[in-house]
Amino acid sequence: MAKWKEVPITGLLALEIVDPRVRMKEIRAEVSSFLNKVNPYRLNNLGELPQNLNDARRVIVSVQDLLEKSSTKHKKATNIVCGLQNHVAYLEDVVALQVRMAEARELTIEHLDSQVRAIEKQMSQLYDNSCDSRYERDALLTTMKLLNTPVVSGSTLMSAEKKRDI
């Protein structure tokens, strides 16, 4: 690594006195433009940028600051990505739970459908039986009318049986 040597100030050499803050801003702008591939000064590397030892120190500080900013941004982005990954994992769990619940509901619906079909079958059988009973009753009533037998309703018949038992 090359060492910088301070040039002694002689009467022949006129140096500009520059505000260190302003020069630091200039160096930071030049370094960031070089690193962003803009390179307005047609530099091959950052070693060509400093003109003296103070500028070399400023370049080093500027590069360190940019590296620190970049690593801070990287840490924040990493935290965001990890948070998003956790959120995605949570959403996957929620979706899996909803799928399981939907499957359970589907099984319940299938079970209820089979029960409804069984009840409908029983109702159909009961309806058929009631129709048969009506036909038998109607046939009995017509036979009784033909034989001139008094028609007794079921409630009257039961009350008559109770009176006999007493």
Protein backbone atom coordinates (compact mmCIF):
# COMPACT_ATOMS: atom_id res chain seq x y z
CA MET A 1 0.00 0.00 0.00
CA ALA A 2 1.37 3.36 -0.98
CA LYS A 3 2.11 5.86 1.74
CA TRP A 4 1.16 9.42 1.33
CA LYS A 5 3.68 12.07 1.95
CA GLU A 6 2.72 15.53 2.95
CA VAL A 7 4.15 18.11 0.62
CA PRO A 8 5.91 20.83 2.58
CA ILE A 9 4.44 24.24 2.11
CA THR A 10 6.87 26.54 0.42
CA GLY A 11 6.52 30.10 -0.65
CA LEU A 12 6.25 29.03 -4.26
CA LEU A 13 3.34 26.69 -3.63
CA ALA A 14 0.02 28.43 -3.07
CA LEU A 15 -2.47 26.19 -1.32
CA GLU A 16 -6.14 26.93 -1.04
CA ILE A 17 -7.52 26.78 2.43
CA VAL A 18 -10.68 24.75 2.19
CA ASP A 19 -13.34 24.25 4.82
CA PRO A 20 -12.98 20.59 5.92
CA ARG A 21 -16.78 20.10 6.03
CA VAL A 22 -17.25 21.34 2.50
CA ARG A 23 -14.38 19.20 1.22
CA MET A 24 -15.80 16.16 3.04
CA LYS A 25 -19.15 16.72 1.29
CA GLU A 26 -17.36 16.95 -2.04
CA ILE A 27 -15.40 13.74 -1.38
CA ARG A 28 -18.56 11.92 -0.27
CA ALA A 29 -20.33 12.96 -3.46
CA GLU A 30 -17.39 11.83 -5.60
CA VAL A 31 -17.10 8.48 -3.80
CA SER A 32 -20.82 7.74 -3.97
CA SER A 33 -20.96 8.68 -7.66
CA PHE A 34 -17.96 6.40 -8.32
CA LEU A 35 -19.55 3.51 -6.42
CA ASN A 36 -22.87 4.07 -8.20
CA LYS A 37 -21.09 3.62 -11.54
CA VAL A 38 -21.65 7.23 -12.56
CA ASN A 39 -17.92 8.08 -12.40
CA PRO A 40 -17.92 11.63 -13.80
CA TYR A 41 -14.17 11.98 -13.19
CA ARG A 42 -13.23 8.91 -15.27
CA LEU A 43 -11.47 7.27 -12.34
CA ASN A 44 -10.20 3.72 -12.66
CA ASN A 45 -10.21 3.22 -8.90
CA LEU A 46 -10.73 5.25 -5.75
CA GLY A 47 -6.99 5.51 -5.25
CA GLU A 48 -6.87 8.17 -7.94
CA LEU A 49 -9.39 10.39 -6.16
CA PRO A 50 -7.45 11.89 -3.24
CA GLN A 51 -5.07 14.71 -3.96
CA ASN A 52 -3.41 14.71 -0.56
CA LEU A 53 -3.31 12.79 2.69
CA ASN A 54 -6.31 14.59 4.16
CA ASP A 55 -8.37 13.76 1.07
CA ALA A 56 -7.23 10.13 1.33
CA ARG A 57 -8.49 10.02 4.91
CA ARG A 58 -11.76 11.58 3.80
CA VAL A 59 -12.13 8.94 1.06
CA ILE A 60 -11.58 6.17 3.61
CA VAL A 61 -14.12 7.68 6.02
CA SER A 62 -16.60 8.18 3.20
CA VAL A 63 -16.27 4.57 2.03
CA GLN A 64 -16.66 3.36 5.63
CA ASP A 65 -19.79 5.50 6.07
CA LEU A 66 -21.28 4.17 2.84
CA LEU A 67 -20.47 0.62 3.92
CA GLU A 68 -22.12 1.24 7.29
CA LYS A 69 -25.23 2.67 5.63
CA SER A 70 -25.36 -0.25 3.24
CA SER A 71 -25.03 -2.79 6.05
CA THR A 72 -27.74 -0.99 8.05
CA LYS A 73 -30.07 -1.09 5.05
CA HIS A 74 -29.20 -4.75 4.55
CA LYS A 75 -30.03 -5.53 8.20
CA LYS A 76 -33.36 -3.72 7.91
CA ALA A 77 -34.19 -5.52 4.67
CA THR A 78 -33.20 -8.84 6.23
CA ASN A 79 -35.48 -8.17 9.20
CA ILE A 80 -38.33 -7.26 6.85
CA VAL A 81 -37.78 -10.41 4.79
CA CYS A 82 -37.69 -12.55 7.96
CA GLY A 83 -40.87 -10.90 9.18
CA LEU A 84 -42.53 -11.54 5.84
CA GLN A 85 -41.37 -15.16 5.89
CA ASN A 86 -42.88 -15.56 9.36
CA HIS A 87 -46.09 -13.96 8.15
CA VAL A 88 -46.20 -16.24 5.11
CA ALA A 89 -45.64 -19.28 7.35
CA TYR A 90 -48.48 -18.11 9.60
CA LEU A 91 -50.75 -17.63 6.59
CA GLU A 92 -49.84 -21.11 5.33
CA ASP A 93 -50.85 -22.52 8.72
CA VAL A 94 -54.12 -20.59 8.61
CA VAL A 95 -54.86 -21.84 5.10
CA ALA A 96 -54.03 -25.42 6.11
CA LEU A 97 -56.37 -25.09 9.10
CA GLN A 98 -59.13 -23.72 6.88
CA VAL A 99 -58.63 -26.59 4.43
CA ARG A 100 -58.89 -29.12 7.27
CA MET A 101 -62.02 -27.39 8.58
CA ALA A 102 -63.53 -27.41 5.09
CA GLU A 103 -62.78 -31.13 4.74
CA ALA A 104 -64.36 -31.79 8.14
CA ARG A 105 -67.43 -29.78 7.12
CA GLU A 106 -67.60 -31.69 3.86
CA LEU A 107 -67.57 -34.98 5.78
CA THR A 108 -70.25 -33.63 8.11
CA ILE A 109 -72.34 -32.54 5.15
CA GLU A 110 -71.96 -35.98 3.54
CA HIS A 111 -73.00 -37.61 6.82
CA LEU A 112 -76.01 -35.30 7.13
CA ASP A 113 -76.92 -35.98 3.50
CA SER A 114 -76.93 -39.72 4.19
CA GLN A 115 -79.09 -39.13 7.27
CA VAL A 116 -81.49 -36.98 5.24
CA ARG A 117 -81.73 -39.71 2.60
CA ALA A 118 -82.45 -42.30 5.30
CA ILE A 119 -85.13 -40.07 6.86
CA GLU A 120 -86.66 -39.45 3.43
CA LYS A 121 -86.74 -43.22 2.87
CA GLN A 122 -88.44 -43.75 6.26
CA MET A 123 -90.92 -40.97 5.49
CA SER A 124 -91.68 -42.56 2.15
CA GLN A 125 -92.30 -45.91 3.85
CA LEU A 126 -94.49 -44.25 6.49
CA TYR A 127 -96.45 -42.44 3.79
CA ASP A 128 -96.93 -45.70 1.91
CA ASN A 129 -98.06 -47.38 5.12
CA SER A 130 -100.47 -44.53 5.89
CA CYS A 131 -101.90 -44.77 2.36
CA ASP A 132 -102.36 -48.51 2.81
CA SER A 133 -104.03 -47.90 6.20
CA ARG A 134 -106.37 -45.34 4.61
CA TYR A 135 -107.30 -47.77 1.85
CA GLU A 136 -107.99 -50.46 4.46
CA ARG A 137 -110.03 -48.02 6.57
CA ASP A 138 -112.01 -46.86 3.55
CA ALA A 139 -112.64 -50.47 2.57
CA LEU A 140 -113.76 -51.28 6.13
CA LEU A 141 -116.08 -48.25 6.24
CA THR A 142 -117.70 -49.16 2.95
CA THR A 143 -118.13 -52.75 4.13
CA MET A 144 -119.70 -51.56 7.39
CA LYS A 145 -122.05 -49.25 5.50
CA LEU A 146 -123.04 -52.10 3.27
CA LEU A 147 -123.76 -54.25 6.30
CA ASN A 148 -125.64 -51.38 8.03
CA THR A 149 -123.36 -51.49 11.06
CA PRO A 150 -123.08 -48.24 13.05
CA VAL A 151 -119.76 -46.53 12.48
CA VAL A 152 -117.82 -45.93 15.68
CA SER A 153 -114.88 -43.56 15.77
CA GLY A 154 -111.73 -44.55 17.60
CA SER A 155 -112.26 -42.07 20.48
CA THR A 156 -115.85 -43.19 21.05
CA LEU A 157 -114.73 -46.81 20.98
CA MET A 158 -112.06 -46.17 23.61
CA SER A 159 -114.45 -44.31 25.92
CA ALA A 160 -116.94 -47.19 25.61
CA GLU A 161 -114.22 -49.69 26.58
CA LYS A 162 -113.33 -47.60 29.64
CA LYS A 163 -116.96 -47.53 30.76
CA ARG A 164 -117.13 -51.31 30.50
CA ASP A 165 -114.00 -51.71 32.62
CA ILE A 166 -115.43 -49.62 35.41
